[in-house]
C-alpha atoms as a PDB file:
ATOM      1  CA  UNK A   1     169.205  93.270 141.906  1.00  0.00           C
ATOM      2  CA  UNK A   2     170.892  89.966 142.708  1.00  0.00           C
ATOM      3  CA  UNK A   3     168.715  88.173 140.147  1.00  0.00           C
ATOM      4  CA  UNK A   4     169.481  90.850 137.593  1.00  0.00           C
ATOM      5  CA  UNK A   5     173.231  90.349 138.078  1.00  0.00           C
ATOM      6  CA  UNK A   6     172.904  86.596 137.624  1.00  0.00           C
ATOM      7  CA  UNK A   7     170.942  87.094 134.402  1.00  0.00           C
ATOM      8  CA  UNK A   8     173.580  89.458 133.030  1.00  0.00           C
ATOM      9  CA  UNK A   9     176.346  87.118 134.142  1.00  0.00           C
ATOM     10  CA  UNK A  10     174.658  84.155 132.436  1.00  0.00           C
ATOM     11  CA  UNK A  11     174.138  86.058 129.170  1.00  0.00           C
ATOM     12  CA  UNK A  12     177.786  87.096 128.993  1.00  0.00           C
ATOM     13  CA  UNK A  13     178.936  83.613 129.995  1.00  0.00           C
ATOM     14  CA  UNK A  14     176.998  82.259 126.984  1.00  0.00           C
ATOM     15  CA  UNK A  15     178.663  84.911 124.812  1.00  0.00           C
ATOM     16  CA  UNK A  16     182.022  83.800 126.173  1.00  0.00           C
ATOM     17  CA  UNK A  17     181.261  80.186 125.240  1.00  0.00           C
ATOM     18  CA  UNK A  18     180.226  81.233 121.717  1.00  0.00           C
ATOM     19  CA  UNK A  19     183.381  83.318 121.306  1.00  0.00           C
ATOM     20  CA  UNK A  20     185.520  80.364 122.423  1.00  0.00           C
ATOM     21  CA  UNK A  21     183.816  78.007 119.939  1.00  0.00           C
ATOM     22  CA  UNK A  22     184.326  80.536 117.131  1.00  0.00           C
ATOM     23  CA  UNK A  23     187.989  80.871 118.114  1.00  0.00           C
ATOM     24  CA  UNK A  24     188.662  77.155 117.691  1.00  0.00           C
ATOM     25  CA  UNK A  25     186.527  76.585 114.581  1.00  0.00           C
ATOM     26  CA  UNK A  26     187.131  79.665 112.425  1.00  0.00           C
ATOM     27  CA  UNK A  27     190.299  80.716 110.642  1.00  0.00           C
ATOM     28  CA  UNK A  28     192.274  79.992 107.494  1.00  0.00           C
ATOM     29  CA  UNK A  29     191.027  76.407 107.814  1.00  0.00           C
ATOM     30  CA  UNK A  30     187.435  76.110 109.022  1.00  0.00           C
ATOM     31  CA  UNK A  31     186.782  73.257 111.419  1.00  0.00           C
ATOM     32  CA  UNK A  32     183.420  71.536 111.666  1.00  0.00           C
ATOM     33  CA  UNK A  33     182.578  70.183 115.099  1.00  0.00           C
ATOM     34  CA  UNK A  34     180.511  67.366 113.586  1.00  0.00           C
ATOM     35  CA  UNK A  35     183.471  66.038 111.592  1.00  0.00           C
ATOM     36  CA  UNK A  36     185.642  66.018 114.689  1.00  0.00           C
ATOM     37  CA  UNK A  37     183.083  64.002 116.632  1.00  0.00           C
ATOM     38  CA  UNK A  38     182.465  61.458 113.907  1.00  0.00           C
ATOM     39  CA  UNK A  39     185.958  60.767 112.543  1.00  0.00           C
ATOM     40  CA  UNK A  40     188.726  59.120 114.517  1.00  0.00           C
ATOM     41  CA  UNK A  41     191.732  60.678 112.782  1.00  0.00           C
ATOM     42  CA  UNK A  42     191.392  63.746 110.605  1.00  0.00           C
ATOM     43  CA  UNK A  43     193.440  66.725 109.520  1.00  0.00           C
ATOM     44  CA  UNK A  44     190.884  68.974 111.208  1.00  0.00           C
ATOM     45  CA  UNK A  45     191.309  67.170 114.509  1.00  0.00           C
ATOM     46  CA  UNK A  46     195.073  67.664 114.332  1.00  0.00           C
ATOM     47  CA  UNK A  47     194.627  71.387 113.755  1.00  0.00           C
ATOM     48  CA  UNK A  48     192.154  71.585 116.624  1.00  0.00           C
ATOM     49  CA  UNK A  49     194.180  69.773 119.293  1.00  0.00           C
ATOM     50  CA  UNK A  50     197.663  70.923 118.343  1.00  0.00           C
ATOM     51  CA  UNK A  51     197.024  74.506 117.222  1.00  0.00           C
ATOM     52  CA  UNK A  52     193.573  75.969 117.827  1.00  0.00           C
ATOM     53  CA  UNK A  53     192.709  74.595 121.283  1.00  0.00           C
ATOM     54  CA  UNK A  54     195.932  75.580 123.125  1.00  0.00           C
ATOM     55  CA  UNK A  55     195.834  78.991 121.475  1.00  0.00           C
ATOM     56  CA  UNK A  56     192.199  79.500 122.452  1.00  0.00           C
ATOM     57  CA  UNK A  57     192.977  78.500 126.040  1.00  0.00           C
ATOM     58  CA  UNK A  58     195.874  80.970 126.139  1.00  0.00           C
ATOM     59  CA  UNK A  59     193.672  83.755 124.772  1.00  0.00           C
ATOM     60  CA  UNK A  60     190.940  82.868 127.274  1.00  0.00           C
ATOM     61  CA  UNK A  61     193.358  82.841 130.228  1.00  0.00           C
ATOM     62  CA  UNK A  62     194.988  86.078 129.054  1.00  0.00           C
ATOM     63  CA  UNK A  63     191.626  87.818 128.812  1.00  0.00           C
ATOM     64  CA  UNK A  64     190.612  86.596 132.267  1.00  0.00           C
ATOM     65  CA  UNK A  65     193.902  87.738 133.815  1.00  0.00           C
ATOM     66  CA  UNK A  66     193.843  91.128 132.086  1.00  0.00           C
ATOM     67  CA  UNK A  67     190.292  91.790 133.280  1.00  0.00           C
ATOM     68  CA  UNK A  68     191.031  90.599 136.807  1.00  0.00           C
ATOM     69  CA  UNK A  69     194.295  92.522 137.104  1.00  0.00           C
ATOM     70  CA  UNK A  70     192.764  95.714 135.745  1.00  0.00           C
ATOM     71  CA  UNK A  71     189.773  95.502 138.089  1.00  0.00           C
ATOM     72  CA  UNK A  72     191.980  94.879 141.133  1.00  0.00           C
ATOM     73  CA  UNK A  73     194.251  97.810 140.309  1.00  0.00           C
ATOM     74  CA  UNK A  74     191.360 100.193 139.695  1.00  0.00           C
ATOM     75  CA  UNK A  75     189.745  99.165 142.972  1.00  0.00           C
ATOM     76  CA  UNK A  76     192.946  99.492 144.972  1.00  0.00           C
ATOM     77  CA  UNK A  77     194.200 102.766 143.501  1.00  0.00           C
ATOM     78  CA  UNK A  78     190.610 104.081 143.240  1.00  0.00           C
ATOM     79  CA  UNK A  79     191.494 105.292 139.773  1.00  0.00           C
ATOM     80  CA  UNK A  80     189.709 104.128 136.578  1.00  0.00           C
ATOM     81  CA  UNK A  81     192.906 104.739 134.591  1.00  0.00           C
ATOM     82  CA  UNK A  82     194.992 102.260 136.612  1.00  0.00           C
ATOM     83  CA  UNK A  83     196.092  98.890 135.236  1.00  0.00           C
ATOM     84  CA  UNK A  84     199.085  96.569 135.865  1.00  0.00           C
ATOM     85  CA  UNK A  85     200.893  97.841 132.782  1.00  0.00           C
ATOM     86  CA  UNK A  86     201.138 101.305 134.316  1.00  0.00           C
ATOM     87  CA  UNK A  87     203.618  99.968 136.892  1.00  0.00           C
ATOM     88  CA  UNK A  88     206.152  99.133 134.190  1.00  0.00           C
ATOM     89  CA  UNK A  89     205.531  95.385 134.487  1.00  0.00           C
ATOM     90  CA  UNK A  90     204.665  95.051 130.802  1.00  0.00           C
ATOM     91  CA  UNK A  91     207.769  97.008 129.800  1.00  0.00           C
ATOM     92  CA  UNK A  92     209.847  94.787 132.095  1.00  0.00           C
ATOM     93  CA  UNK A  93     208.470  91.723 130.344  1.00  0.00           C
ATOM     94  CA  UNK A  94     209.295  93.237 126.952  1.00  0.00           C
ATOM     95  CA  UNK A  95     212.844  93.917 128.104  1.00  0.00           C
ATOM     96  CA  UNK A  96     213.174  90.274 129.146  1.00  0.00           C
ATOM     97  CA  UNK A  97     211.880  89.082 125.774  1.00  0.00           C
ATOM     98  CA  UNK A  98     214.209  91.385 123.851  1.00  0.00           C
ATOM     99  CA  UNK A  99     217.149  90.222 125.972  1.00  0.00           C
ATOM    100  CA  UNK A 100     216.278  86.574 125.293  1.00  0.00           C
ATOM    101  CA  UNK A 101     216.034  87.146 121.540  1.00  0.00           C
ATOM    102  CA  UNK A 102     219.306  89.044 121.372  1.00  0.00           C
ATOM    103  CA  UNK A 103     221.570  87.115 123.751  1.00  0.00           C
ATOM    104  CA  UNK A 104     220.180  83.699 124.728  1.00  0.00           C
ATOM    105  CA  UNK A 105     221.123  81.947 121.424  1.00  0.00           C
ATOM    106  CA  UNK A 106     224.743  83.023 121.940  1.00  0.00           C
ATOM    107  CA  UNK A 107     224.719  81.975 125.606  1.00  0.00           C
ATOM    108  CA  UNK A 108     223.238  78.524 124.927  1.00  0.00           C
ATOM    109  CA  UNK A 109     225.897  77.866 122.290  1.00  0.00           C
ATOM    110  CA  UNK A 110     228.587  77.846 125.016  1.00  0.00           C
ATOM    111  CA  UNK A 111     229.744  74.270 125.406  1.00  0.00           C
ATOM    112  CA  UNK A 112     229.855  74.010 129.212  1.00  0.00           C
ATOM    113  CA  UNK A 113     226.168  75.043 129.414  1.00  0.00           C
ATOM    114  CA  UNK A 114     225.057  71.975 127.476  1.00  0.00           C
ATOM    115  CA  UNK A 115     223.082  69.395 129.462  1.00  0.00           C
ATOM    116  CA  UNK A 116     222.532  71.844 132.329  1.00  0.00           C
ATOM    117  CA  UNK A 117     219.235  72.667 134.030  1.00  0.00           C
ATOM    118  CA  UNK A 118     219.102  75.926 132.061  1.00  0.00           C
ATOM    119  CA  UNK A 119     219.408  74.163 128.696  1.00  0.00           C
ATOM    120  CA  UNK A 120     216.832  71.564 129.785  1.00  0.00           C
ATOM    121  CA  UNK A 121     214.249  74.251 130.539  1.00  0.00           C
ATOM    122  CA  UNK A 122     214.827  75.889 127.163  1.00  0.00           C
ATOM    123  CA  UNK A 123     214.025  72.583 125.441  1.00  0.00           C
ATOM    124  CA  UNK A 124     210.464  72.748 126.746  1.00  0.00           C
ATOM    125  CA  UNK A 125     209.776  76.487 127.006  1.00  0.00           C
ATOM    126  CA  UNK A 126     210.441  79.325 124.615  1.00  0.00           C
ATOM    127  CA  UNK A 127     213.344  81.543 125.785  1.00  0.00           C
ATOM    128  CA  UNK A 128     211.225  84.589 124.916  1.00  0.00           C
ATOM    129  CA  UNK A 129     208.359  83.436 127.146  1.00  0.00           C
ATOM    130  CA  UNK A 130     210.696  82.391 129.956  1.00  0.00           C
ATOM    131  CA  UNK A 131     212.651  85.640 130.050  1.00  0.00           C
ATOM    132  CA  UNK A 132     209.502  87.721 129.568  1.00  0.00           C
ATOM    133  CA  UNK A 133     208.119  86.045 132.697  1.00  0.00           C
ATOM    134  CA  UNK A 134     211.366  86.734 134.568  1.00  0.00           C
ATOM    135  CA  UNK A 135     211.354  90.355 133.385  1.00  0.00           C
ATOM    136  CA  UNK A 136     207.767  90.925 134.498  1.00  0.00           C
ATOM    137  CA  UNK A 137     208.324  89.339 137.913  1.00  0.00           C
ATOM    138  CA  UNK A 138     211.537  91.345 138.398  1.00  0.00           C
ATOM    139  CA  UNK A 139     209.753  94.578 137.509  1.00  0.00           C
ATOM    140  CA  UNK A 140     206.996  93.677 139.976  1.00  0.00           C
ATOM    141  CA  UNK A 141     209.563  92.949 142.713  1.00  0.00           C
ATOM    142  CA  UNK A 142     211.240  96.323 142.152  1.00  0.00           C
ATOM    143  CA  UNK A 143     207.937  98.201 142.441  1.00  0.00           C
ATOM    144  CA  UNK A 144     206.994  96.146 145.496  1.00  0.00           C
ATOM    145  CA  UNK A 145     210.347  96.938 147.131  1.00  0.00           C
ATOM    146  CA  UNK A 146     209.770 100.638 146.482  1.00  0.00           C
ATOM    147  CA  UNK A 147     206.403 100.407 148.229  1.00  0.00           C
ATOM    148  CA  UNK A 148     208.158  99.357 151.454  1.00  0.00           C
ATOM    149  CA  UNK A 149     210.162 102.587 151.449  1.00  0.00           C
ATOM    150  CA  UNK A 150     207.023 104.751 151.372  1.00  0.00           C
ATOM    151  CA  UNK A 151     205.275 105.480 154.675  1.00  0.00           C
ATOM    152  CA  UNK A 152     203.311 108.521 153.516  1.00  0.00           C
ATOM    153  CA  UNK A 153     199.598 108.815 152.834  1.00  0.00           C
ATOM    154  CA  UNK A 154     200.148 109.270 149.112  1.00  0.00           C
ATOM    155  CA  UNK A 155     201.999 105.972 148.731  1.00  0.00           C
ATOM    156  CA  UNK A 156     199.715 104.766 145.924  1.00  0.00           C
ATOM    157  CA  UNK A 157     200.384 107.868 143.832  1.00  0.00           C
ATOM    158  CA  UNK A 158     204.141 107.545 144.361  1.00  0.00           C
ATOM    159  CA  UNK A 159     204.032 103.875 143.304  1.00  0.00           C
ATOM    160  CA  UNK A 160     202.167 104.755 140.104  1.00  0.00           C
ATOM    161  CA  UNK A 161     204.678 107.492 139.261  1.00  0.00           C
ATOM    162  CA  UNK A 162     207.657 105.245 140.008  1.00  0.00           C
ATOM    163  CA  UNK A 163     206.129 102.461 137.925  1.00  0.00           C
ATOM    164  CA  UNK A 164     205.653 104.815 134.989  1.00  0.00           C
ATOM    165  CA  UNK A 165     209.256 106.040 135.259  1.00  0.00           C
ATOM    166  CA  UNK A 166     210.617 102.489 135.509  1.00  0.00           C
ATOM    167  CA  UNK A 167     208.510 101.458 132.510  1.00  0.00           C
ATOM    168  CA  UNK A 168     210.163 104.229 130.484  1.00  0.00           C
ATOM    169  CA  UNK A 169     213.576 102.983 131.618  1.00  0.00           C
ATOM    170  CA  UNK A 170     212.793  99.391 130.597  1.00  0.00           C
ATOM    171  CA  UNK A 171     211.523 100.569 127.206  1.00  0.00           C
ATOM    172  CA  UNK A 172     214.702 102.592 126.668  1.00  0.00           C
ATOM    173  CA  UNK A 173     216.875  99.582 127.497  1.00  0.00           C
ATOM    174  CA  UNK A 174     214.831  97.447 125.094  1.00  0.00           C
ATOM    175  CA  UNK A 175     215.310 100.038 122.341  1.00  0.00           C
ATOM    176  CA  UNK A 176     219.051 100.164 123.063  1.00  0.00           C
ATOM    177  CA  UNK A 177     219.381  96.381 122.699  1.00  0.00           C
ATOM    178  CA  UNK A 178     217.352  96.393 119.478  1.00  0.00           C
ATOM    179  CA  UNK A 179     219.515  99.162 118.040  1.00  0.00           C
ATOM    180  CA  UNK A 180     222.721  97.275 118.793  1.00  0.00           C
ATOM    181  CA  UNK A 181     221.232  93.920 117.734  1.00  0.00           C
ATOM    182  CA  UNK A 182     219.200  95.014 114.729  1.00  0.00           C
ATOM    183  CA  UNK A 183     219.006  91.457 113.379  1.00  0.00           C
ATOM    184  CA  UNK A 184     216.671  90.556 116.253  1.00  0.00           C
ATOM    185  CA  UNK A 185     214.208  93.327 115.438  1.00  0.00           C
ATOM    186  CA  UNK A 186     212.091  91.359 112.986  1.00  0.00           C
ATOM    187  CA  UNK A 187     211.800  88.257 115.192  1.00  0.00           C
ATOM    188  CA  UNK A 188     210.650  90.233 118.240  1.00  0.00           C
ATOM    189  CA  UNK A 189     208.498  92.805 116.436  1.00  0.00           C
ATOM    190  CA  UNK A 190     205.263  90.801 116.218  1.00  0.00           C
ATOM    191  CA  UNK A 191     205.674  89.708 119.848  1.00  0.00           C
ATOM    192  CA  UNK A 192     205.983  93.340 120.980  1.00  0.00           C
ATOM    193  CA  UNK A 193     202.798  94.156 119.061  1.00  0.00           C
ATOM    194  CA  UNK A 194     201.009  91.304 120.863  1.00  0.00           C
ATOM    195  CA  UNK A 195     200.463  88.006 119.063  1.00  0.00           C
ATOM    196  CA  UNK A 196     199.400  84.468 120.029  1.00  0.00           C
ATOM    197  CA  UNK A 197     200.754  83.034 116.792  1.00  0.00           C
ATOM    198  CA  UNK A 198     202.851  79.902 117.328  1.00  0.00           C
ATOM    199  CA  UNK A 199     201.846  79.412 120.949  1.00  0.00           C
ATOM    200  CA  UNK A 200     201.009  75.905 122.102  1.00  0.00           C
ATOM    201  CA  UNK A 201     200.557  73.555 125.036  1.00  0.00           C
ATOM    202  CA  UNK A 202     203.984  74.339 126.518  1.00  0.00           C
ATOM    203  CA  UNK A 203     202.943  77.951 127.078  1.00  0.00           C
ATOM    204  CA  UNK A 204     199.620  76.796 128.558  1.00  0.00           C
ATOM    205  CA  UNK A 205     201.372  74.603 131.128  1.00  0.00           C
ATOM    206  CA  UNK A 206     203.973  77.299 131.797  1.00  0.00           C
ATOM    207  CA  UNK A 207     201.490  80.004 132.825  1.00  0.00           C
ATOM    208  CA  UNK A 208     198.829  77.762 134.383  1.00  0.00           C
ATOM    209  CA  UNK A 209     200.214  77.670 137.946  1.00  0.00           C
ATOM    210  CA  UNK A 210     200.953  81.413 138.336  1.00  0.00           C
ATOM    211  CA  UNK A 211     197.571  82.177 136.752  1.00  0.00           C
ATOM    212  CA  UNK A 212     195.785  79.984 139.313  1.00  0.00           C
ATOM    213  CA  UNK A 213     197.787  81.537 142.176  1.00  0.00           C
ATOM    214  CA  UNK A 214     196.885  85.070 141.097  1.00  0.00           C
ATOM    215  CA  UNK A 215     193.174  84.211 140.804  1.00  0.00           C
ATOM    216  CA  UNK A 216     193.192  82.596 144.258  1.00  0.00           C
ATOM    217  CA  UNK A 217     194.797  85.704 145.756  1.00  0.00           C
ATOM    218  CA  UNK A 218     192.095  87.843 144.155  1.00  0.00           C
ATOM    219  CA  UNK A 219     189.415  85.858 146.000  1.00  0.00           C
ATOM    220  CA  UNK A 220     191.015  86.684 149.351  1.00  0.00           C
ATOM    221  CA  UNK A 221     191.437  90.417 148.740  1.00  0.00           C
ATOM    222  CA  UNK A 222     187.996  91.122 147.237  1.00  0.00           C
ATOM    223  CA  UNK A 223     186.368  92.197 150.518  1.00  0.00           C
ATOM    224  CA  UNK A 224     189.300  94.378 151.713  1.00  0.00           C
ATOM    225  CA  UNK A 225     189.234  96.150 148.337  1.00  0.00           C
ATOM    226  CA  UNK A 226     185.600  97.109 148.939  1.00  0.00           C
ATOM    227  CA  UNK A 227     186.457  98.449 152.398  1.00  0.00           C
ATOM    228  CA  UNK A 228     189.268 100.483 150.842  1.00  0.00           C
ATOM    229  CA  UNK A 229     186.787 102.402 148.665  1.00  0.00           C
ATOM    230  CA  UNK A 230     186.132 104.751 151.601  1.00  0.00           C
ATOM    231  CA  UNK A 231     189.803 105.674 151.900  1.00  0.00           C
ATOM    232  CA  UNK A 232     192.859 104.167 153.566  1.00  0.00           C
ATOM    233  CA  UNK A 233     192.112 105.707 156.974  1.00  0.00           C
ATOM    234  CA  UNK A 234     188.595 104.271 157.105  1.00  0.00           C
ATOM    235  CA  UNK A 235     189.826 100.914 155.822  1.00  0.00           C
ATOM    236  CA  UNK A 236     192.473 100.741 158.549  1.00  0.00           C
ATOM    237  CA  UNK A 237     189.856 101.522 161.197  1.00  0.00           C
ATOM    238  CA  UNK A 238     187.857  98.541 159.885  1.00  0.00           C
ATOM    239  CA  UNK A 239     190.828  96.215 160.271  1.00  0.00           C
ATOM    240  CA  UNK A 240     192.326  96.290 156.770  1.00  0.00           C
ATOM    241  CA  UNK A 241     196.121  96.080 156.689  1.00  0.00           C
ATOM    242  CA  UNK A 242     196.646  98.499 153.810  1.00  0.00           C
ATOM    243  CA  UNK A 243     200.383  97.849 153.505  1.00  0.00           C
ATOM    244  CA  UNK A 244     199.808  94.087 153.278  1.00  0.00           C
ATOM    245  CA  UNK A 245     196.979  94.614 150.802  1.00  0.00           C
ATOM    246  CA  UNK A 246     199.266  96.788 148.688  1.00  0.00           C
ATOM    247  CA  UNK A 247     201.849  94.023 148.461  1.00  0.00           C
ATOM    248  CA  UNK A 248     199.178  91.484 147.527  1.00  0.00           C
ATOM    249  CA  UNK A 249     197.860  93.763 144.774  1.00  0.00           C
ATOM    250  CA  UNK A 250     201.344  94.284 143.355  1.00  0.00           C
ATOM    251  CA  UNK A 251     202.008  90.527 143.399  1.00  0.00           C
ATOM    252  CA  UNK A 252     198.720  89.898 141.600  1.00  0.00           C
ATOM    253  CA  UNK A 253     199.572  92.541 139.011  1.00  0.00           C
ATOM    254  CA  UNK A 254     203.013  91.024 138.414  1.00  0.00           C
ATOM    255  CA  UNK A 255     201.652  87.480 138.079  1.00  0.00           C
ATOM    256  CA  UNK A 256     198.748  88.458 135.813  1.00  0.00           C
ATOM    257  CA  UNK A 257     200.897  90.587 133.533  1.00  0.00           C
ATOM    258  CA  UNK A 258     203.746  88.092 133.357  1.00  0.00           C
ATOM    259  CA  UNK A 259     201.342  85.303 132.365  1.00  0.00           C
ATOM    260  CA  UNK A 260     199.748  87.431 129.655  1.00  0.00           C
ATOM    261  CA  UNK A 261     203.017  88.574 128.105  1.00  0.00           C
ATOM    262  CA  UNK A 262     204.288  84.981 128.080  1.00  0.00           C
ATOM    263  CA  UNK A 263     201.110  83.867 126.342  1.00  0.00           C
ATOM    264  CA  UNK A 264     200.662  86.627 123.793  1.00  0.00           C
ATOM    265  CA  UNK A 265     203.182  89.421 124.152  1.00  0.00           C
ATOM    266  CA  UNK A 266     202.105  92.991 124.816  1.00  0.00           C
ATOM    267  CA  UNK A 267     198.300  93.313 124.893  1.00  0.00           C
ATOM    268  CA  UNK A 268     197.464  96.934 125.630  1.00  0.00           C
ATOM    269  CA  UNK A 269     194.381  98.665 127.055  1.00  0.00           C
ATOM    270  CA  UNK A 270     192.232  95.579 127.670  1.00  0.00           C
ATOM    271  CA  UNK A 271     192.904  95.674 131.410  1.00  0.00           C
ATOM    272  CA  UNK A 272     191.673  99.255 131.326  1.00  0.00           C
ATOM    273  CA  UNK A 273     188.629  98.860 129.082  1.00  0.00           C
ATOM    274  CA  UNK A 274     186.939  95.771 130.534  1.00  0.00           C
ATOM    275  CA  UNK A 275     186.755  96.854 134.214  1.00  0.00           C
ATOM    276  CA  UNK A 276     185.457 100.290 133.251  1.00  0.00           C
ATOM    277  CA  UNK A 277     182.635  98.860 131.112  1.00  0.00           C
ATOM    278  CA  UNK A 278     181.902  96.230 133.766  1.00  0.00           C
ATOM    279  CA  UNK A 279     181.583  98.931 136.417  1.00  0.00           C
ATOM    280  CA  UNK A 280     178.893 100.675 134.386  1.00  0.00           C
ATOM    281  CA  UNK A 281     176.946  97.414 134.005  1.00  0.00           C
ATOM    282  CA  UNK A 282     177.220  95.712 137.418  1.00  0.00           C
ATOM    283  CA  UNK A 283     178.473  98.472 139.723  1.00  0.00           C
ATOM    284  CA  UNK A 284     181.678  98.984 141.736  1.00  0.00           C
ATOM    285  CA  UNK A 285     181.425  96.097 144.233  1.00  0.00           C
ATOM    286  CA  UNK A 286     184.395  93.769 143.832  1.00  0.00           C
ATOM    287  CA  UNK A 287     182.336  90.550 144.122  1.00  0.00           C
ATOM    288  CA  UNK A 288     180.526  91.553 140.924  1.00  0.00           C
ATOM    289  CA  UNK A 289     183.058  93.788 139.210  1.00  0.00           C
ATOM    290  CA  UNK A 290     186.024  91.386 139.196  1.00  0.00           C
ATOM    291  CA  UNK A 291     184.321  88.251 137.768  1.00  0.00           C
ATOM    292  CA  UNK A 292     182.361  90.298 135.227  1.00  0.00           C
ATOM    293  CA  UNK A 293     185.572  92.076 134.148  1.00  0.00           C
ATOM    294  CA  UNK A 294     187.165  88.667 133.621  1.00  0.00           C
ATOM    295  CA  UNK A 295     184.359  87.454 131.372  1.00  0.00           C
ATOM    296  CA  UNK A 296     184.071  90.692 129.411  1.00  0.00           C
ATOM    297  CA  UNK A 297     187.830  90.929 128.867  1.00  0.00           C
ATOM    298  CA  UNK A 298     188.009  87.291 127.731  1.00  0.00           C
ATOM    299  CA  UNK A 299     185.167  87.833 125.230  1.00  0.00           C
ATOM    300  CA  UNK A 300     186.830  90.912 123.737  1.00  0.00           C
ATOM    301  CA  UNK A 301     190.234  89.240 123.459  1.00  0.00           C
ATOM    302  CA  UNK A 302     188.824  86.058 121.900  1.00  0.00           C
ATOM    303  CA  UNK A 303     186.939  88.087 119.291  1.00  0.00           C
ATOM    304  CA  UNK A 304     189.977  90.320 118.664  1.00  0.00           C
ATOM    305  CA  UNK A 305     192.233  87.309 118.116  1.00  0.00           C
ATOM    306  CA  UNK A 306     189.622  85.711 115.855  1.00  0.00           C
ATOM    307  CA  UNK A 307     189.363  88.908 113.803  1.00  0.00           C
ATOM    308  CA  UNK A 308     193.151  89.035 113.445  1.00  0.00           C
ATOM    309  CA  UNK A 309     193.179  85.504 112.041  1.00  0.00           C
ATOM    310  CA  UNK A 310     190.393  85.934 109.497  1.00  0.00           C
ATOM    311  CA  UNK A 311     190.727  89.530 108.296  1.00  0.00           C
ATOM    312  CA  UNK A 312     193.813  88.837 106.130  1.00  0.00           C
ATOM    313  CA  UNK A 313     193.756  85.035 106.013  1.00  0.00           C
ATOM    314  CA  UNK A 314     195.703  82.895 105.486  1.00  0.00           C
ATOM    315  CA  UNK A 315     198.050  85.420 107.136  1.00  0.00           C
ATOM    316  CA  UNK A 316     197.191  87.053 110.449  1.00  0.00           C
ATOM    317  CA  UNK A 317     197.590  90.352 112.257  1.00  0.00           C
ATOM    318  CA  UNK A 318     199.021  90.775 115.763  1.00  0.00           C
ATOM    319  CA  UNK A 319     196.176  90.769 118.279  1.00  0.00           C
ATOM    320  CA  UNK A 320     197.604  93.785 120.103  1.00  0.00           C
ATOM    321  CA  UNK A 321     196.857  95.943 117.050  1.00  0.00           C
ATOM    322  CA  UNK A 322     193.109  95.386 117.420  1.00  0.00           C
ATOM    323  CA  UNK A 323     193.095  95.985 121.177  1.00  0.00           C
ATOM    324  CA  UNK A 324     195.084  99.196 120.667  1.00  0.00           C
ATOM    325  CA  UNK A 325     192.737 100.420 117.939  1.00  0.00           C
ATOM    326  CA  UNK A 326     189.820  99.856 120.315  1.00  0.00           C
ATOM    327  CA  UNK A 327     191.636 101.052 123.421  1.00  0.00           C
ATOM    328  CA  UNK A 328     193.153 104.367 122.333  1.00  0.00           C
ATOM    329  CA  UNK A 329     189.877 106.214 121.577  1.00  0.00           C
ATOM    330  CA  UNK A 330     188.315 104.609 124.653  1.00  0.00           C
ATOM    331  CA  UNK A 331     191.206 105.833 126.813  1.00  0.00           C
ATOM    332  CA  UNK A 332     190.980 109.373 125.417  1.00  0.00           C
ATOM    333  CA  UNK A 333     187.207 109.425 126.003  1.00  0.00           C
ATOM    334  CA  UNK A 334     187.733 108.169 129.549  1.00  0.00           C
ATOM    335  CA  UNK A 335     190.265 110.917 130.239  1.00  0.00           C
ATOM    336  CA  UNK A 336     187.738 113.574 129.205  1.00  0.00           C
ATOM    337  CA  UNK A 337     185.046 111.956 131.347  1.00  0.00           C
ATOM    338  CA  UNK A 338     187.312 111.950 134.391  1.00  0.00           C
ATOM    339  CA  UNK A 339     188.234 115.565 133.783  1.00  0.00           C
END
């Protein structure tokens, strides 16, 4: 069985490599690897290093984080319908992005804010990405704080319900801002749909540290998540601090989601789809499920982003449209299976 897992893992790792190569070479302008290796300064090389490569890295990281976050949430809540977005973290990030689009330009125009630390940060990082990150982290902190107030056995269910309610609140606030600032609607619309268009190295460097932190935390909680599969009471008898594990899971969800929304906006359903398919292929053990979910999610997102760039080239579609088209029927089918 161990050999079988390694064979499957290797096959999908090769598929991931192929998807990554296609992502950086295909598009409105095709890039030939041979020309890049043989010429010292070409137009193709400029496109590769300044546009395609950072975007491909962002898509790759986003897919990995979505798969990891979804797998961790499904393992912890013992629910195949759970994902970080269900806690309202994605809606919190959207609220932050909408706020940045509507109000930050007016704030930065104030004279006494010039040459401050705030204005310096905005020179290097997009206000939308920065405030989306802040919104996601804030939403995660609120849900985490609520978890401290719950001492009952059904804490996980209460957290999911509170997260859903808070997500609705954040979405309502976003809609209110867009209604009062209708001129910002067009500029934020493609971001809300989920798009990696225009992203570059600044976004890569911005999300790299929190992405690494979240992946390191996942390594440490993998074994306790397996012990939790038998229920919280059994896990506690085996030495698992369920309350501490809950906080770690919520932190991971906030970090993963905030990185993804900074990189590509709202990417729906992928954190739900990949872990569920991975579970059917490699089983429910976290040591296999989590890394395989990462690879599978990254493959799907790379191919979805590639399809969005070539289906109507030279224009492109938001990547979130493709993931939603795939995810909605999958989600409905999953609901019937669980019923």
